[in-house]
Every structure is written in structure tokens, then in C-alpha cells.
Amino acid sequence: MNDTPFALAITGASGAAYALRLLEVLVRQGERVDIMISAPGQIVINMETDLKLSGRSSEIQRELTARYAAGADQLRVFGREQWTAPVASGSSPPRAMIVCPCTTGTLAGIAAGTSHNLIERAADVTMKEGRKLILVPRETPFSAVHLENMLKLARLGVVILPPNPGFYHQPASIDDLVDFVVGRILDQLGVDNQLSPRWGEDTE
């Protein structure tokens, strides 16, 4: 298990399944993950999945640890304004950070560098320390404001990864579509995976 964790932020855009599947695979691969969930993100998880998270970060940590059979201290969940969290300081940056799904409001906050909450601050730390930041904006259509914010961040080296699944592998279920996107996120993290066939591979 790598001592330096990944950071995963879950915000209030639709698409909680992407985040939970990503978390499941990272745990299975033995990775440590620091988790931040916005208040709207928690609402969306409770609406879109069978997971009903409680309000306190310590309770959420216990629930997620049990759900994914994570090891001791493999998962840490931090509160929305828990400024003592390691991810809030450049002295302890994550290996990489993923905001999945990412609301356009969070995208704007990160682009502006406002650090109004722990998610925005962690993203700011990730960028300033030269670590990889991956945003998964789940919105359609994008306005010019959204696109300008994405362009600004892309020029700073941020990976903009909208959850656009491919269909060349002939997906048979929603899980197949989710795995396609999660596989692309894992590729960006350098985490080996075979969640969906690669282009040119035999799909039979």
C-alpha cells in the first residue's frame, strides 16, 4: 500500500456511481484514499444509490470502510471545513486528486482559487504542488462560462475528463458504461485496470 493517498472529492453533480466505483477499485488495488464529500454530494449519493450516508465524517468513514472491506486507515473521510486535514496543506499533498463528479460551481471555485471549502483548498494544494488534478464535470450542455473555466484549468495542467463513455465495446449494462469512464480515470492515475476492453482488443 502506497503511503501517500489519492484524494477523492465527491460533489453534487449527478453521477455518484462513478465516484463509488472508482473508490471500490482503488480500495481493491490497495490504495489509500482521502475522501471529501460536499453536502449536495451526499444528497446525490443517497438519491442515486443504495448507500445512505449519515452526516458525520467519522460515521461515513466507518460505513465506506465496511462497504468496501477496506483495511485499517486505508480510507479517511474529512469534513467540509476540516482545515486540519492533511489535504489542506502543501506539506502533505495527495499523490493526485480526483473531483468526481464535479459540479460546475466547484469547477468555477477551483478555477478562481477561492478555497471556500476543503475540496477547493485541496484542489488548490494539488495544483500548486504540481500533482495531478482530474475533474469529471457531469453537466450538459456546457455554457461558455463552463468552457472558459475548463480551458483555464487545462492550460494549467488540470485534466478535464467529462464522463463520456464509449460504445465500441458494446456495453450491455449501466455498469459497463460506468466502468468505461472509471477505467479512463484510473489510466490517468497510473493505476492498472482492465475494467473495459481497449480500442482494438477483441470484444468477443
N, C-alpha and C. Protein backbone atom coordinates (compact mmCIF):
# COMPACT_ATOMS: atom_id res chain seq x y z
N MET A 1 0.85 -1.19 0.00
CA MET A 1 0.00 0.00 0.00
C MET A 1 0.89 1.25 0.00
N ASN A 2 0.67 2.15 -0.95
CA ASN A 2 1.44 3.39 -1.02
C ASN A 2 1.07 4.27 0.16
N ASP A 3 2.09 4.83 0.82
CA ASP A 3 1.83 5.65 1.99
C ASP A 3 1.15 6.97 1.66
N THR A 4 1.37 7.48 0.44
CA THR A 4 0.76 8.75 0.04
C THR A 4 -0.59 8.47 -0.62
N PRO A 5 -1.68 8.98 -0.07
CA PRO A 5 -3.00 8.64 -0.60
C PRO A 5 -3.39 9.45 -1.83
N PHE A 6 -4.34 8.92 -2.55
CA PHE A 6 -5.09 9.71 -3.51
C PHE A 6 -6.15 10.50 -2.75
N ALA A 7 -6.58 11.62 -3.31
CA ALA A 7 -7.69 12.38 -2.74
C ALA A 7 -8.87 12.28 -3.69
N LEU A 8 -10.03 11.96 -3.15
CA LEU A 8 -11.26 11.86 -3.94
C LEU A 8 -12.31 12.79 -3.36
N ALA A 9 -12.75 13.74 -4.17
CA ALA A 9 -13.82 14.64 -3.76
C ALA A 9 -15.07 14.32 -4.55
N ILE A 10 -16.18 14.24 -3.86
CA ILE A 10 -17.47 13.92 -4.48
C ILE A 10 -18.39 15.12 -4.27
N THR A 11 -18.81 15.74 -5.37
CA THR A 11 -19.68 16.91 -5.25
C THR A 11 -21.08 16.58 -5.78
N GLY A 12 -21.93 17.60 -5.85
CA GLY A 12 -23.35 17.37 -6.03
C GLY A 12 -23.86 17.19 -7.45
N ALA A 13 -22.98 16.98 -8.42
CA ALA A 13 -23.46 16.66 -9.76
C ALA A 13 -23.98 15.23 -9.79
N SER A 14 -24.87 14.96 -10.74
CA SER A 14 -25.34 13.59 -10.91
C SER A 14 -24.17 12.72 -11.37
N GLY A 15 -24.18 11.46 -10.95
CA GLY A 15 -23.10 10.56 -11.35
C GLY A 15 -22.35 9.98 -10.17
N ALA A 16 -23.03 9.80 -9.05
CA ALA A 16 -22.39 9.23 -7.87
C ALA A 16 -21.81 7.85 -8.14
N ALA A 17 -22.40 7.12 -9.07
CA ALA A 17 -21.91 5.77 -9.36
C ALA A 17 -20.47 5.78 -9.84
N TYR A 18 -20.07 6.81 -10.55
CA TYR A 18 -18.68 6.90 -10.99
C TYR A 18 -17.74 6.97 -9.80
N ALA A 19 -18.06 7.83 -8.84
CA ALA A 19 -17.20 8.00 -7.67
C ALA A 19 -17.12 6.74 -6.83
N LEU A 20 -18.25 6.10 -6.60
CA LEU A 20 -18.25 4.92 -5.75
C LEU A 20 -17.54 3.75 -6.41
N ARG A 21 -17.68 3.61 -7.71
CA ARG A 21 -16.96 2.54 -8.41
C ARG A 21 -15.46 2.82 -8.40
N LEU A 22 -15.09 4.08 -8.60
CA LEU A 22 -13.68 4.44 -8.53
C LEU A 22 -13.11 4.11 -7.16
N LEU A 23 -13.84 4.48 -6.11
CA LEU A 23 -13.40 4.19 -4.75
C LEU A 23 -13.26 2.69 -4.54
N GLU A 24 -14.22 1.92 -5.01
CA GLU A 24 -14.18 0.47 -4.86
C GLU A 24 -12.91 -0.12 -5.49
N VAL A 25 -12.59 0.32 -6.70
CA VAL A 25 -11.42 -0.23 -7.40
C VAL A 25 -10.13 0.20 -6.72
N LEU A 26 -10.04 1.45 -6.29
CA LEU A 26 -8.84 1.91 -5.61
C LEU A 26 -8.60 1.12 -4.32
N VAL A 27 -9.67 0.86 -3.58
CA VAL A 27 -9.53 0.06 -2.35
C VAL A 27 -9.07 -1.35 -2.69
N ARG A 28 -9.67 -1.93 -3.71
CA ARG A 28 -9.31 -3.29 -4.12
C ARG A 28 -7.85 -3.38 -4.57
N GLN A 29 -7.35 -2.28 -5.13
CA GLN A 29 -5.95 -2.24 -5.58
C GLN A 29 -4.99 -1.90 -4.45
N GLY A 30 -5.52 -1.75 -3.25
CA GLY A 30 -4.68 -1.49 -2.10
C GLY A 30 -4.25 -0.06 -1.92
N GLU A 31 -4.94 0.87 -2.59
CA GLU A 31 -4.58 2.28 -2.49
C GLU A 31 -5.24 2.93 -1.27
N ARG A 32 -4.55 3.89 -0.69
CA ARG A 32 -5.15 4.71 0.36
C ARG A 32 -5.87 5.87 -0.29
N VAL A 33 -7.02 6.25 0.29
CA VAL A 33 -7.84 7.31 -0.30
C VAL A 33 -8.33 8.24 0.80
N ASP A 34 -8.09 9.54 0.60
CA ASP A 34 -8.67 10.57 1.44
C ASP A 34 -9.92 11.10 0.74
N ILE A 35 -11.04 11.13 1.44
CA ILE A 35 -12.34 11.39 0.82
C ILE A 35 -12.95 12.66 1.39
N MET A 36 -13.50 13.47 0.49
CA MET A 36 -14.26 14.66 0.85
C MET A 36 -15.58 14.61 0.11
N ILE A 37 -16.67 14.84 0.80
CA ILE A 37 -17.99 14.80 0.18
C ILE A 37 -18.72 16.09 0.53
N SER A 38 -19.14 16.83 -0.48
CA SER A 38 -19.90 18.05 -0.21
C SER A 38 -21.30 17.69 0.26
N ALA A 39 -22.00 18.65 0.86
CA ALA A 39 -23.37 18.40 1.32
C ALA A 39 -24.27 17.99 0.16
N PRO A 40 -24.26 18.71 -0.99
CA PRO A 40 -25.06 18.24 -2.13
C PRO A 40 -24.58 16.88 -2.65
N GLY A 41 -23.27 16.62 -2.56
CA GLY A 41 -22.75 15.33 -2.99
C GLY A 41 -23.33 14.19 -2.18
N GLN A 42 -23.47 14.41 -0.88
CA GLN A 42 -24.06 13.38 -0.02
C GLN A 42 -25.53 13.17 -0.37
N ILE A 43 -26.23 14.24 -0.66
CA ILE A 43 -27.64 14.12 -1.06
C ILE A 43 -27.76 13.30 -2.33
N VAL A 44 -26.90 13.58 -3.32
CA VAL A 44 -26.96 12.87 -4.60
C VAL A 44 -26.64 11.39 -4.41
N ILE A 45 -25.63 11.08 -3.59
CA ILE A 45 -25.33 9.67 -3.31
C ILE A 45 -26.55 8.96 -2.74
N ASN A 46 -27.22 9.60 -1.79
CA ASN A 46 -28.39 9.00 -1.17
C ASN A 46 -29.56 8.86 -2.14
N MET A 47 -29.63 9.76 -3.13
CA MET A 47 -30.71 9.69 -4.13
C MET A 47 -30.44 8.65 -5.20
N GLU A 48 -29.18 8.54 -5.63
CA GLU A 48 -28.86 7.76 -6.83
C GLU A 48 -28.39 6.34 -6.54
N THR A 49 -28.06 6.04 -5.29
CA THR A 49 -27.52 4.71 -4.98
C THR A 49 -28.24 4.12 -3.78
N ASP A 50 -27.88 2.89 -3.47
CA ASP A 50 -28.47 2.24 -2.29
C ASP A 50 -27.71 2.58 -1.03
N LEU A 51 -26.68 3.42 -1.15
CA LEU A 51 -25.90 3.83 0.01
C LEU A 51 -26.55 5.04 0.66
N LYS A 52 -26.86 4.97 1.92
CA LYS A 52 -27.48 6.07 2.65
C LYS A 52 -26.51 6.56 3.72
N LEU A 53 -25.74 7.56 3.36
CA LEU A 53 -24.69 8.03 4.24
C LEU A 53 -25.25 8.92 5.33
N SER A 54 -24.69 8.78 6.52
CA SER A 54 -25.06 9.65 7.63
C SER A 54 -24.29 10.96 7.51
N GLY A 55 -24.53 11.88 8.42
CA GLY A 55 -23.98 13.21 8.28
C GLY A 55 -22.55 13.38 8.73
N ARG A 56 -22.10 12.65 9.72
CA ARG A 56 -20.79 12.88 10.30
C ARG A 56 -19.70 12.15 9.52
N SER A 57 -18.56 12.82 9.35
CA SER A 57 -17.48 12.23 8.57
C SER A 57 -16.96 10.94 9.19
N SER A 58 -16.92 10.86 10.52
CA SER A 58 -16.44 9.64 11.17
C SER A 58 -17.38 8.46 10.90
N GLU A 59 -18.69 8.73 10.86
CA GLU A 59 -19.64 7.67 10.57
C GLU A 59 -19.58 7.27 9.11
N ILE A 60 -19.42 8.25 8.22
CA ILE A 60 -19.28 7.94 6.80
C ILE A 60 -18.04 7.09 6.57
N GLN A 61 -16.96 7.42 7.27
CA GLN A 61 -15.73 6.64 7.13
C GLN A 61 -15.96 5.19 7.53
N ARG A 62 -16.66 4.97 8.63
CA ARG A 62 -16.96 3.59 9.05
C ARG A 62 -17.84 2.89 8.03
N GLU A 63 -18.83 3.59 7.48
CA GLU A 63 -19.74 2.98 6.51
C GLU A 63 -19.00 2.59 5.24
N LEU A 64 -18.16 3.47 4.73
CA LEU A 64 -17.43 3.18 3.49
C LEU A 64 -16.37 2.10 3.71
N THR A 65 -15.72 2.13 4.87
CA THR A 65 -14.73 1.10 5.18
C THR A 65 -15.38 -0.28 5.21
N ALA A 66 -16.55 -0.37 5.82
CA ALA A 66 -17.26 -1.65 5.88
C ALA A 66 -17.77 -2.07 4.51
N ARG A 67 -18.30 -1.13 3.75
CA ARG A 67 -18.88 -1.45 2.45
C ARG A 67 -17.84 -2.02 1.49
N TYR A 68 -16.64 -1.46 1.52
CA TYR A 68 -15.61 -1.88 0.56
C TYR A 68 -14.52 -2.74 1.20
N ALA A 69 -14.76 -3.18 2.43
CA ALA A 69 -13.81 -4.06 3.15
C ALA A 69 -12.41 -3.47 3.11
N ALA A 70 -12.31 -2.19 3.37
CA ALA A 70 -11.03 -1.50 3.36
C ALA A 70 -10.22 -1.85 4.60
N GLY A 71 -8.91 -1.76 4.48
CA GLY A 71 -8.04 -2.03 5.60
C GLY A 71 -8.05 -0.88 6.59
N ALA A 72 -7.41 -1.11 7.71
CA ALA A 72 -7.33 -0.08 8.74
C ALA A 72 -6.60 1.14 8.20
N ASP A 73 -7.21 2.29 8.35
CA ASP A 73 -6.64 3.57 7.91
C ASP A 73 -6.48 3.68 6.40
N GLN A 74 -7.09 2.75 5.64
CA GLN A 74 -6.99 2.85 4.18
C GLN A 74 -7.86 3.99 3.66
N LEU A 75 -9.00 4.24 4.32
CA LEU A 75 -9.89 5.33 3.95
C LEU A 75 -9.96 6.33 5.09
N ARG A 76 -9.89 7.61 4.71
CA ARG A 76 -10.11 8.68 5.68
C ARG A 76 -11.10 9.65 5.07
N VAL A 77 -12.12 10.01 5.85
CA VAL A 77 -13.14 10.95 5.38
C VAL A 77 -13.01 12.23 6.18
N PHE A 78 -12.93 13.36 5.49
CA PHE A 78 -12.76 14.64 6.13
C PHE A 78 -13.99 15.52 5.95
N GLY A 79 -14.26 16.33 6.96
CA GLY A 79 -15.39 17.24 6.92
C GLY A 79 -15.18 18.38 5.94
N ARG A 80 -16.28 19.06 5.62
CA ARG A 80 -16.25 20.08 4.56
C ARG A 80 -15.41 21.29 4.92
N GLU A 81 -15.22 21.56 6.19
CA GLU A 81 -14.38 22.67 6.62
C GLU A 81 -13.35 22.19 7.65
N GLN A 82 -12.87 21.00 7.45
CA GLN A 82 -11.87 20.42 8.35
C GLN A 82 -10.48 20.86 7.90
N TRP A 83 -10.12 22.07 8.28
CA TRP A 83 -8.90 22.69 7.76
C TRP A 83 -7.64 22.04 8.31
N THR A 84 -7.76 21.18 9.30
CA THR A 84 -6.59 20.46 9.81
C THR A 84 -6.31 19.19 9.01
N ALA A 85 -7.14 18.88 8.01
CA ALA A 85 -6.93 17.70 7.18
C ALA A 85 -5.61 17.83 6.42
N PRO A 86 -4.88 16.73 6.25
CA PRO A 86 -3.61 16.80 5.52
C PRO A 86 -3.73 17.41 4.13
N VAL A 87 -4.85 17.16 3.44
CA VAL A 87 -5.01 17.65 2.07
C VAL A 87 -5.10 19.17 2.00
N ALA A 88 -5.25 19.83 3.14
CA ALA A 88 -5.35 21.29 3.17
C ALA A 88 -3.99 21.97 3.17
N SER A 89 -2.93 21.20 3.24
CA SER A 89 -1.60 21.79 3.35
C SER A 89 -0.66 21.26 2.28
N GLY A 90 0.16 22.16 1.76
CA GLY A 90 1.16 21.75 0.78
C GLY A 90 2.25 20.89 1.37
N SER A 91 2.33 20.80 2.69
CA SER A 91 3.32 19.92 3.32
C SER A 91 2.91 18.46 3.26
N SER A 92 1.64 18.21 2.86
CA SER A 92 1.15 16.83 2.80
C SER A 92 0.19 16.66 1.63
N PRO A 93 0.66 16.95 0.40
CA PRO A 93 -0.24 16.87 -0.76
C PRO A 93 -0.56 15.42 -1.12
N PRO A 94 -1.71 15.18 -1.72
CA PRO A 94 -2.03 13.82 -2.18
C PRO A 94 -1.19 13.45 -3.41
N ARG A 95 -1.15 12.16 -3.73
CA ARG A 95 -0.46 11.72 -4.96
C ARG A 95 -1.14 12.35 -6.17
N ALA A 96 -2.44 12.39 -6.13
CA ALA A 96 -3.26 13.01 -7.17
C ALA A 96 -4.63 13.21 -6.57
N MET A 97 -5.41 14.09 -7.17
CA MET A 97 -6.76 14.36 -6.68
C MET A 97 -7.75 14.24 -7.81
N ILE A 98 -8.88 13.63 -7.49
CA ILE A 98 -9.97 13.49 -8.45
C ILE A 98 -11.22 14.13 -7.86
N VAL A 99 -11.88 14.98 -8.63
CA VAL A 99 -13.19 15.50 -8.24
C VAL A 99 -14.21 14.84 -9.16
N CYS A 100 -14.97 13.91 -8.59
CA CYS A 100 -15.83 13.05 -9.41
C CYS A 100 -17.10 12.69 -8.64
N PRO A 101 -18.26 13.09 -9.16
CA PRO A 101 -18.44 14.04 -10.25
C PRO A 101 -18.14 15.46 -9.76
N CYS A 102 -17.89 16.34 -10.72
CA CYS A 102 -17.52 17.72 -10.39
C CYS A 102 -18.62 18.67 -10.86
N THR A 103 -19.21 19.40 -9.94
CA THR A 103 -20.20 20.40 -10.33
C THR A 103 -19.51 21.57 -11.03
N THR A 104 -20.27 22.31 -11.82
CA THR A 104 -19.69 23.48 -12.46
C THR A 104 -19.38 24.57 -11.44
N GLY A 105 -20.08 24.57 -10.30
CA GLY A 105 -19.76 25.50 -9.23
C GLY A 105 -18.41 25.19 -8.61
N THR A 106 -18.13 23.91 -8.36
CA THR A 106 -16.82 23.51 -7.85
C THR A 106 -15.74 23.82 -8.88
N LEU A 107 -16.03 23.55 -10.14
CA LEU A 107 -15.10 23.88 -11.22
C LEU A 107 -14.75 25.36 -11.20
N ALA A 108 -15.76 26.21 -11.04
CA ALA A 108 -15.53 27.65 -11.01
C ALA A 108 -14.70 28.05 -9.80
N GLY A 109 -15.00 27.46 -8.64
CA GLY A 109 -14.25 27.78 -7.43
C GLY A 109 -12.79 27.40 -7.55
N ILE A 110 -12.53 26.24 -8.16
CA ILE A 110 -11.15 25.80 -8.35
C ILE A 110 -10.44 26.71 -9.34
N ALA A 111 -11.13 27.08 -10.42
CA ALA A 111 -10.53 27.96 -11.42
C ALA A 111 -10.21 29.33 -10.84
N ALA A 112 -11.04 29.80 -9.91
CA ALA A 112 -10.83 31.12 -9.30
C ALA A 112 -9.85 31.08 -8.14
N GLY A 113 -9.55 29.88 -7.62
CA GLY A 113 -8.63 29.76 -6.50
C GLY A 113 -9.19 30.30 -5.20
N THR A 114 -10.50 30.20 -5.01
CA THR A 114 -11.12 30.82 -3.84
C THR A 114 -10.92 30.03 -2.54
N SER A 115 -10.79 28.71 -2.64
CA SER A 115 -10.60 27.86 -1.46
C SER A 115 -11.65 28.11 -0.39
N HIS A 116 -12.91 28.18 -0.80
CA HIS A 116 -14.00 28.44 0.14
C HIS A 116 -14.29 27.24 1.05
N ASN A 117 -13.91 26.05 0.62
CA ASN A 117 -14.15 24.85 1.41
C ASN A 117 -12.97 23.91 1.24
N LEU A 118 -13.00 22.77 1.92
CA LEU A 118 -11.85 21.88 1.90
C LEU A 118 -11.62 21.30 0.51
N ILE A 119 -12.68 21.03 -0.24
CA ILE A 119 -12.49 20.49 -1.59
C ILE A 119 -11.73 21.48 -2.47
N GLU A 120 -12.16 22.73 -2.45
CA GLU A 120 -11.48 23.75 -3.26
C GLU A 120 -10.04 23.95 -2.78
N ARG A 121 -9.82 23.96 -1.47
CA ARG A 121 -8.47 24.13 -0.94
C ARG A 121 -7.58 22.95 -1.32
N ALA A 122 -8.11 21.73 -1.22
CA ALA A 122 -7.32 20.55 -1.58
C ALA A 122 -6.94 20.59 -3.06
N ALA A 123 -7.86 21.03 -3.90
CA ALA A 123 -7.56 21.16 -5.33
C ALA A 123 -6.48 22.21 -5.56
N ASP A 124 -6.57 23.31 -4.82
CA ASP A 124 -5.57 24.37 -4.92
C ASP A 124 -4.19 23.84 -4.51
N VAL A 125 -4.14 23.09 -3.42
CA VAL A 125 -2.89 22.49 -2.96
C VAL A 125 -2.34 21.54 -4.02
N THR A 126 -3.22 20.71 -4.58
CA THR A 126 -2.78 19.74 -5.59
C THR A 126 -2.13 20.45 -6.77
N MET A 127 -2.73 21.53 -7.24
CA MET A 127 -2.17 22.27 -8.37
C MET A 127 -0.86 22.94 -8.01
N LYS A 128 -0.83 23.62 -6.87
CA LYS A 128 0.37 24.40 -6.54
C LYS A 128 1.57 23.52 -6.23
N GLU A 129 1.30 22.27 -5.81
CA GLU A 129 2.38 21.34 -5.54
C GLU A 129 2.75 20.48 -6.74
N GLY A 130 2.12 20.78 -7.89
CA GLY A 130 2.48 20.08 -9.12
C GLY A 130 2.01 18.65 -9.19
N ARG A 131 0.95 18.32 -8.45
CA ARG A 131 0.37 16.98 -8.52
C ARG A 131 -0.79 16.97 -9.52
N LYS A 132 -1.15 15.80 -9.97
CA LYS A 132 -2.21 15.70 -10.98
C LYS A 132 -3.58 15.95 -10.36
N LEU A 133 -4.37 16.79 -11.02
CA LEU A 133 -5.75 17.06 -10.63
C LEU A 133 -6.65 16.68 -11.78
N ILE A 134 -7.64 15.84 -11.50
CA ILE A 134 -8.57 15.35 -12.51
C ILE A 134 -9.98 15.79 -12.13
N LEU A 135 -10.63 16.51 -13.03
CA LEU A 135 -12.00 16.94 -12.80
C LEU A 135 -12.92 16.20 -13.76
N VAL A 136 -14.03 15.69 -13.22
CA VAL A 136 -15.01 14.92 -14.01
C VAL A 136 -16.31 15.71 -14.02
N PRO A 137 -16.42 16.71 -14.90
CA PRO A 137 -17.62 17.58 -14.89
C PRO A 137 -18.81 16.89 -15.55
N ARG A 138 -19.87 16.69 -14.78
CA ARG A 138 -21.04 15.98 -15.28
C ARG A 138 -22.15 17.00 -15.50
N GLU A 139 -22.10 17.65 -16.65
CA GLU A 139 -23.10 18.67 -16.98
C GLU A 139 -23.28 18.68 -18.48
N THR A 140 -24.48 19.03 -18.93
CA THR A 140 -24.69 19.18 -20.37
C THR A 140 -25.95 20.01 -20.61
N PRO A 141 -25.93 20.94 -21.54
CA PRO A 141 -24.76 21.38 -22.30
C PRO A 141 -23.86 22.26 -21.44
N PHE A 142 -22.64 22.48 -21.90
CA PHE A 142 -21.74 23.41 -21.22
C PHE A 142 -21.97 24.82 -21.75
N SER A 143 -22.00 25.77 -20.84
CA SER A 143 -22.08 27.17 -21.25
C SER A 143 -20.68 27.68 -21.57
N ALA A 144 -20.61 28.88 -22.13
CA ALA A 144 -19.31 29.48 -22.41
C ALA A 144 -18.51 29.69 -21.13
N VAL A 145 -19.22 30.01 -20.03
CA VAL A 145 -18.53 30.17 -18.75
C VAL A 145 -17.87 28.87 -18.32
N HIS A 146 -18.61 27.76 -18.41
CA HIS A 146 -18.06 26.45 -18.05
C HIS A 146 -16.82 26.15 -18.89
N LEU A 147 -16.95 26.37 -20.20
CA LEU A 147 -15.86 26.05 -21.11
C LEU A 147 -14.63 26.92 -20.87
N GLU A 148 -14.87 28.20 -20.55
CA GLU A 148 -13.74 29.08 -20.26
C GLU A 148 -13.02 28.64 -18.99
N ASN A 149 -13.78 28.22 -17.98
CA ASN A 149 -13.15 27.72 -16.76
C ASN A 149 -12.35 26.45 -17.02
N MET A 150 -12.90 25.56 -17.84
CA MET A 150 -12.18 24.33 -18.19
C MET A 150 -10.91 24.64 -18.96
N LEU A 151 -10.99 25.56 -19.91
CA LEU A 151 -9.81 25.92 -20.71
C LEU A 151 -8.73 26.52 -19.81
N LYS A 152 -9.14 27.39 -18.90
CA LYS A 152 -8.17 27.99 -17.97
C LYS A 152 -7.44 26.91 -17.18
N LEU A 153 -8.19 25.95 -16.65
CA LEU A 153 -7.60 24.90 -15.84
C LEU A 153 -6.77 23.94 -16.69
N ALA A 154 -7.26 23.61 -17.89
CA ALA A 154 -6.50 22.72 -18.77
C ALA A 154 -5.14 23.32 -19.11
N ARG A 155 -5.11 24.63 -19.31
CA ARG A 155 -3.84 25.30 -19.60
C ARG A 155 -2.89 25.27 -18.42
N LEU A 156 -3.42 25.05 -17.21
CA LEU A 156 -2.61 24.93 -16.01
C LEU A 156 -2.21 23.48 -15.74
N GLY A 157 -2.62 22.58 -16.63
CA GLY A 157 -2.25 21.18 -16.48
C GLY A 157 -3.29 20.29 -15.84
N VAL A 158 -4.47 20.85 -15.54
CA VAL A 158 -5.55 20.05 -14.96
C VAL A 158 -6.16 19.17 -16.04
N VAL A 159 -6.47 17.93 -15.70
CA VAL A 159 -7.11 17.01 -16.63
C VAL A 159 -8.62 17.19 -16.54
N ILE A 160 -9.23 17.55 -17.66
CA ILE A 160 -10.69 17.69 -17.73
C ILE A 160 -11.22 16.42 -18.38
N LEU A 161 -11.95 15.62 -17.62
CA LEU A 161 -12.36 14.30 -18.08
C LEU A 161 -13.87 14.14 -17.94
N PRO A 162 -14.65 14.69 -18.88
CA PRO A 162 -16.10 14.50 -18.81
C PRO A 162 -16.45 13.01 -18.91
N PRO A 163 -17.45 12.56 -18.20
CA PRO A 163 -17.80 11.14 -18.21
C PRO A 163 -18.55 10.75 -19.48
N ASN A 164 -17.81 10.68 -20.58
CA ASN A 164 -18.40 10.33 -21.88
C ASN A 164 -18.00 8.91 -22.23
N PRO A 165 -18.86 7.94 -21.99
CA PRO A 165 -18.48 6.55 -22.26
C PRO A 165 -18.45 6.25 -23.76
N GLY A 166 -17.55 5.34 -24.13
CA GLY A 166 -17.52 4.84 -25.50
C GLY A 166 -18.53 3.70 -25.66
N PHE A 167 -18.79 3.36 -26.91
CA PHE A 167 -19.74 2.28 -27.19
C PHE A 167 -19.16 1.21 -28.12
N TYR A 168 -17.87 1.36 -28.48
CA TYR A 168 -17.26 0.38 -29.38
C TYR A 168 -17.15 -1.00 -28.75
N HIS A 169 -17.18 -1.05 -27.40
CA HIS A 169 -17.09 -2.35 -26.72
C HIS A 169 -18.47 -2.97 -26.49
N GLN A 170 -19.50 -2.36 -27.07
CA GLN A 170 -20.87 -2.88 -27.00
C GLN A 170 -21.31 -3.12 -25.54
N PRO A 171 -21.40 -2.06 -24.76
CA PRO A 171 -21.80 -2.22 -23.36
C PRO A 171 -23.18 -2.83 -23.24
N ALA A 172 -23.32 -3.73 -22.27
CA ALA A 172 -24.59 -4.43 -22.07
C ALA A 172 -25.33 -3.95 -20.83
N SER A 173 -24.72 -3.05 -20.06
CA SER A 173 -25.35 -2.62 -18.81
C SER A 173 -24.84 -1.23 -18.44
N ILE A 174 -25.54 -0.63 -17.48
CA ILE A 174 -25.07 0.65 -16.94
C ILE A 174 -23.69 0.47 -16.30
N ASP A 175 -23.47 -0.66 -15.65
CA ASP A 175 -22.17 -0.92 -15.03
C ASP A 175 -21.05 -0.87 -16.06
N ASP A 176 -21.31 -1.37 -17.27
CA ASP A 176 -20.30 -1.33 -18.33
C ASP A 176 -19.97 0.12 -18.70
N LEU A 177 -20.98 0.97 -18.75
CA LEU A 177 -20.76 2.38 -19.09
C LEU A 177 -19.98 3.08 -17.98
N VAL A 178 -20.33 2.78 -16.74
CA VAL A 178 -19.61 3.37 -15.61
C VAL A 178 -18.15 2.91 -15.62
N ASP A 179 -17.93 1.63 -15.85
CA ASP A 179 -16.57 1.10 -15.84
C ASP A 179 -15.70 1.72 -16.93
N PHE A 180 -16.31 2.04 -18.07
CA PHE A 180 -15.53 2.67 -19.15
C PHE A 180 -14.95 3.99 -18.65
N VAL A 181 -15.76 4.81 -18.02
CA VAL A 181 -15.30 6.12 -17.53
C VAL A 181 -14.31 5.94 -16.39
N VAL A 182 -14.62 5.07 -15.45
CA VAL A 182 -13.73 4.86 -14.31
C VAL A 182 -12.38 4.33 -14.78
N GLY A 183 -12.40 3.48 -15.80
CA GLY A 183 -11.14 2.99 -16.35
C GLY A 183 -10.27 4.10 -16.89
N ARG A 184 -10.89 5.09 -17.53
CA ARG A 184 -10.12 6.22 -18.04
C ARG A 184 -9.53 7.07 -16.92
N ILE A 185 -10.29 7.21 -15.82
CA ILE A 185 -9.75 7.93 -14.66
C ILE A 185 -8.56 7.18 -14.08
N LEU A 186 -8.69 5.86 -13.94
CA LEU A 186 -7.60 5.06 -13.40
C LEU A 186 -6.37 5.12 -14.30
N ASP A 187 -6.59 5.17 -15.61
CA ASP A 187 -5.45 5.32 -16.53
C ASP A 187 -4.69 6.61 -16.23
N GLN A 188 -5.43 7.69 -15.98
CA GLN A 188 -4.79 8.97 -15.67
C GLN A 188 -4.03 8.91 -14.35
N LEU A 189 -4.49 8.06 -13.44
CA LEU A 189 -3.82 7.91 -12.15
C LEU A 189 -2.65 6.95 -12.20
N GLY A 190 -2.52 6.24 -13.31
CA GLY A 190 -1.47 5.23 -13.41
C GLY A 190 -1.77 3.97 -12.65
N VAL A 191 -3.06 3.70 -12.43
CA VAL A 191 -3.49 2.51 -11.71
C VAL A 191 -3.93 1.46 -12.72
N ASP A 192 -3.28 0.33 -12.72
CA ASP A 192 -3.57 -0.73 -13.69
C ASP A 192 -5.01 -1.21 -13.53
N ASN A 193 -5.68 -1.40 -14.66
CA ASN A 193 -7.06 -1.89 -14.62
C ASN A 193 -7.43 -2.51 -15.95
N GLN A 194 -8.41 -3.38 -15.89
CA GLN A 194 -8.98 -3.99 -17.09
C GLN A 194 -10.51 -3.88 -17.01
N LEU A 195 -10.99 -2.70 -16.68
CA LEU A 195 -12.42 -2.54 -16.47
C LEU A 195 -13.23 -2.64 -17.76
N SER A 196 -12.63 -2.26 -18.86
CA SER A 196 -13.34 -2.39 -20.15
C SER A 196 -12.31 -2.64 -21.23
N PRO A 197 -12.73 -3.23 -22.36
CA PRO A 197 -11.78 -3.53 -23.43
C PRO A 197 -11.15 -2.26 -24.00
N ARG A 198 -9.91 -2.36 -24.39
CA ARG A 198 -9.22 -1.27 -25.04
C ARG A 198 -9.57 -1.26 -26.53
N TRP A 199 -9.44 -0.09 -27.14
CA TRP A 199 -9.69 0.01 -28.58
C TRP A 199 -8.75 -0.94 -29.31
N GLY A 200 -9.32 -1.73 -30.21
CA GLY A 200 -8.54 -2.68 -30.98
C GLY A 200 -8.46 -4.07 -30.37
N GLU A 201 -8.90 -4.19 -29.10
CA GLU A 201 -8.92 -5.51 -28.49
C GLU A 201 -10.14 -6.28 -28.97
N ASP A 202 -10.03 -7.59 -28.94
CA ASP A 202 -11.15 -8.45 -29.31
C ASP A 202 -12.22 -8.35 -28.25
N THR A 203 -13.44 -7.93 -28.62
CA THR A 203 -14.53 -7.76 -27.64
C THR A 203 -15.41 -8.99 -27.52
N GLU A 204 -15.10 -10.05 -28.27
CA GLU A 204 -15.92 -11.24 -28.18
C GLU A 204 -15.59 -12.03 -26.94
